[in-house]
Protein backbone atom coordinates (compact mmCIF):
# COMPACT_ATOMS: atom_id res chain seq x y z
CA LYS A 1 21.60 -44.54 17.06
CA GLU A 2 19.98 -47.90 17.45
CA SER A 3 20.84 -50.48 20.08
CA GLU A 4 19.89 -54.13 20.45
CA ASN A 5 16.37 -54.91 21.68
CA GLY A 6 15.68 -53.62 25.15
CA ARG A 7 19.30 -53.34 26.18
CA PRO A 8 19.72 -50.11 28.12
CA TYR A 9 22.67 -47.80 28.05
CA PHE A 10 23.44 -44.85 30.17
CA ASN A 11 23.59 -41.43 28.59
CA SER A 12 23.97 -37.77 29.25
CA PHE A 13 24.40 -35.33 26.40
CA ASN A 14 26.46 -32.24 25.78
CA SER A 15 27.62 -30.18 22.86
CA THR A 16 31.37 -29.62 23.09
CA LYS A 17 33.07 -32.72 24.44
CA LEU A 18 32.34 -36.42 24.48
CA LEU A 19 33.35 -39.08 26.94
CA LEU A 20 32.46 -42.64 25.91
CA LEU A 21 32.49 -45.22 28.66
CA PRO A 22 31.84 -48.79 27.52
CA ALA A 23 31.35 -51.49 30.12
CA VAL A 24 33.44 -54.62 29.70
CA PHE A 25 31.89 -57.66 31.36
CA CYS A 26 33.66 -60.62 32.95
CA PRO A 27 30.84 -62.95 34.15
CA TRP A 28 33.18 -64.94 36.39
CA LYS A 29 33.87 -61.79 38.44
CA GLN A 30 30.25 -60.82 39.07
CA ARG A 31 29.21 -60.30 42.69
CA MET A 32 25.93 -59.76 44.47
CA ASP A 33 23.92 -56.71 43.40
CA LYS A 34 24.23 -55.38 46.95
CA SER A 35 27.97 -55.00 46.32
CA ALA A 36 27.25 -52.68 43.39
CA GLU A 37 24.82 -50.64 45.47
CA ASN A 38 27.35 -50.39 48.32
CA TRP A 39 30.11 -49.31 45.91
CA LEU A 40 27.88 -46.64 44.33
CA SER A 41 26.80 -45.37 47.79
CA ASP A 42 30.32 -44.98 49.19
CA ILE A 43 30.96 -41.26 48.60
CA LYS A 44 34.54 -41.31 49.94
CA GLY A 45 35.32 -44.31 47.75
CA LEU A 46 33.69 -42.65 44.73
CA LYS A 47 35.81 -39.53 45.26
CA LYS A 48 39.02 -41.63 45.29
CA TRP A 49 37.84 -43.46 42.14
CA ALA A 50 37.03 -40.12 40.43
CA GLU A 51 40.47 -38.72 41.31
CA LYS A 52 42.12 -41.69 39.58
CA ILE A 53 40.07 -41.19 36.42
CA ASN A 54 40.43 -37.37 36.38
CA VAL A 55 37.93 -36.72 33.57
CA GLU A 56 38.81 -33.04 33.13
CA LYS A 57 42.48 -33.90 32.54
CA LEU A 58 41.63 -36.75 30.15
CA LEU A 59 39.38 -34.47 28.10
CA ALA A 60 42.00 -31.71 27.98
CA GLU A 61 44.75 -34.11 26.90
CA ASN A 62 42.64 -35.81 24.20
CA ASP A 63 40.98 -32.93 22.35
CA GLY A 64 37.70 -33.47 24.19
CA PHE A 65 37.09 -37.08 23.19
CA VAL A 66 37.92 -39.97 25.50
CA LEU A 67 37.09 -43.67 25.50
CA VAL A 68 37.46 -45.22 28.96
CA GLU A 69 37.52 -49.01 29.06
CA ASN A 70 36.40 -50.73 32.28
CA PHE A 71 34.93 -47.49 33.60
CA PHE A 72 33.08 -49.08 36.51
CA PRO A 73 34.33 -52.27 38.15
CA ASP A 74 32.79 -55.34 36.48
CA PHE A 75 30.53 -56.13 39.43
CA VAL A 76 29.15 -52.57 39.42
CA ALA A 77 28.47 -52.55 35.65
CA SER A 78 26.85 -56.00 35.84
CA GLY A 79 24.82 -55.03 38.90
CA ALA A 80 23.65 -51.82 37.23
CA LEU A 81 22.62 -53.67 34.07
CA LYS A 82 20.74 -56.31 36.05
CA ALA A 83 18.96 -53.65 38.12
CA LEU A 84 17.96 -51.66 35.02
CA LYS A 85 16.65 -54.77 33.26
CA GLU A 86 14.54 -55.58 36.34
CA LEU A 87 12.86 -52.16 36.47
CA PRO A 88 9.13 -52.46 35.78
CA GLU A 89 8.10 -51.09 32.40
CA ASP A 90 5.93 -48.40 34.02
CA GLU A 91 9.05 -46.86 35.58
CA TRP A 92 10.42 -46.03 32.12
CA ASP A 93 9.17 -42.81 30.48
CA VAL A 94 8.57 -42.66 26.73
CA SER A 95 10.80 -40.14 24.99
CA ASN A 96 10.08 -39.35 21.37
CA GLY A 97 9.67 -36.42 19.01
CA SER A 98 5.93 -36.23 19.57
CA THR A 99 6.16 -35.91 23.38
CA GLU A 100 8.80 -33.17 23.48
CA GLU A 101 7.92 -30.03 21.53
CA TYR A 102 11.26 -28.36 22.35
CA ASN A 103 13.33 -31.19 20.88
CA ASP A 104 13.49 -31.46 17.08
CA VAL A 105 15.82 -34.49 16.98
CA SER A 106 14.02 -37.57 15.69
CA HIS A 107 14.15 -40.14 18.48
CA SER A 108 12.23 -42.88 20.21
CA PHE A 109 13.41 -44.61 23.38
CA PHE A 110 12.54 -45.09 27.03
CA SER A 111 14.13 -42.93 29.74
CA ASN A 112 14.53 -43.19 33.51
CA ASP A 113 16.21 -40.67 35.78
CA SER A 114 14.81 -41.42 39.21
CA TYR A 115 13.95 -45.09 39.80
CA GLY A 116 15.86 -48.09 41.03
CA ILE A 117 19.65 -47.88 40.80
CA VAL A 118 19.62 -44.88 38.41
CA PRO A 119 20.07 -42.19 41.13
CA ASP A 120 23.07 -44.14 42.47
CA ILE A 121 24.65 -44.19 38.99
CA ILE A 122 23.90 -40.49 38.55
CA ARG A 123 25.67 -39.78 41.86
CA ALA A 124 28.82 -41.49 40.56
CA PHE A 125 28.83 -39.24 37.48
CA MET A 126 28.22 -36.19 39.67
CA VAL A 127 31.28 -37.09 41.76
CA LEU A 128 33.35 -37.29 38.54
CA LEU A 129 32.36 -33.75 37.56
CA PRO A 130 31.35 -32.01 40.82
CA ASN A 131 31.28 -28.49 39.37
CA LYS A 132 28.93 -29.36 36.51
CA LEU A 133 25.16 -29.29 36.43
CA PRO A 134 24.12 -32.85 35.51
CA SER A 135 21.38 -33.82 33.11
CA ILE A 136 21.60 -37.60 33.25
CA SER A 137 19.24 -40.48 32.62
CA ALA A 138 19.25 -44.13 31.69
CA ALA A 139 17.92 -44.92 28.23
CA MET A 140 16.52 -48.14 26.88
CA TYR A 141 16.14 -48.72 23.16
CA LYS A 142 13.75 -51.43 22.03
CA GLU A 143 13.42 -52.91 18.54
CA THR A 144 12.22 -49.72 16.83
CA GLY A 145 14.14 -47.36 19.14
CA HIS A 146 16.42 -44.80 17.56
CA ILE A 147 17.95 -41.35 17.77
CA SER A 148 19.07 -39.37 14.73
CA SER A 149 22.50 -37.84 14.45
CA HIS A 150 22.65 -34.67 16.48
CA ASP A 151 25.11 -32.30 18.11
CA ASP A 152 23.79 -32.62 21.68
CA LYS A 153 23.50 -28.86 22.09
CA ASP A 154 21.05 -28.09 24.80
CA VAL A 155 20.24 -25.23 27.09
CA ILE A 156 18.32 -25.83 30.28
CA GLY A 157 16.77 -23.36 32.66
CA VAL A 158 17.52 -23.78 36.34
CA GLU A 159 15.47 -21.99 38.98
CA MET A 160 17.68 -20.71 41.76
CA ALA A 161 16.64 -20.45 45.43
CA ASN A 162 15.86 -16.75 44.98
CA GLY A 163 13.45 -17.56 42.12
CA GLU A 164 15.80 -16.31 39.41
CA ALA A 165 16.09 -18.57 36.36
CA LEU A 166 19.59 -19.12 34.99
CA TRP A 167 20.31 -20.75 31.65
CA HIS A 168 23.01 -23.40 31.41
CA SER A 169 24.37 -25.08 28.30
CA ARG A 170 25.94 -28.51 28.12
CA GLU A 171 29.71 -28.79 28.15
CA ILE A 172 30.32 -32.54 28.36
CA ALA A 173 28.43 -35.49 26.92
CA VAL A 174 28.73 -38.90 28.53
CA VAL A 175 27.52 -42.11 26.97
CA TYR A 176 27.91 -45.13 29.21
CA TYR A 177 26.95 -48.35 27.47
CA LEU A 178 25.70 -51.22 29.59
CA THR A 179 25.05 -53.45 26.61
CA LYS A 180 26.77 -56.80 27.01
CA ASP A 181 29.01 -57.63 24.09
CA TRP A 182 28.58 -54.08 22.73
CA LYS A 183 30.13 -53.57 19.32
CA GLU A 184 31.23 -50.32 17.73
CA SER A 185 28.88 -51.07 14.81
CA TYR A 186 25.90 -50.50 17.16
CA GLY A 187 26.67 -46.77 17.04
């Protein structure tokens, strides 16, 4: 699905359940970016926050589909958006059908899973679902960016410490939009 020019959103995909997490922005409440980094780095605080949200319970009670308004505090969502927008272009990887032979879904966007604030955001999602194997990245769609409708089924191989490869399939998809003034019509 297409997004406005260059406005990133956070995504992780899965085949059986979906958790949509739109950010709602209140500019008058924004704080320094350091506050967002501190919040995302506070593991004890993240665990308390995750307990309040209780994703597993929400999914079970809502047939596997949940929309969570105000997922992160405003200053964290705003700080994350600002940090992602400030990432140099060379820290975004191109993801499209021609670069990934194993993926037959028509798509074109930029992806980042290890630069800037992205690892801190990933940690927050890992705290929400501590017993799940995460496959998370930030995505940025520019003017011609897109992704075709798909079921998010995926199987990934994970090499264990003993060298054995185990296959894992996705159970939960998370889409976290950091697009200011996001509208449902964006997809």
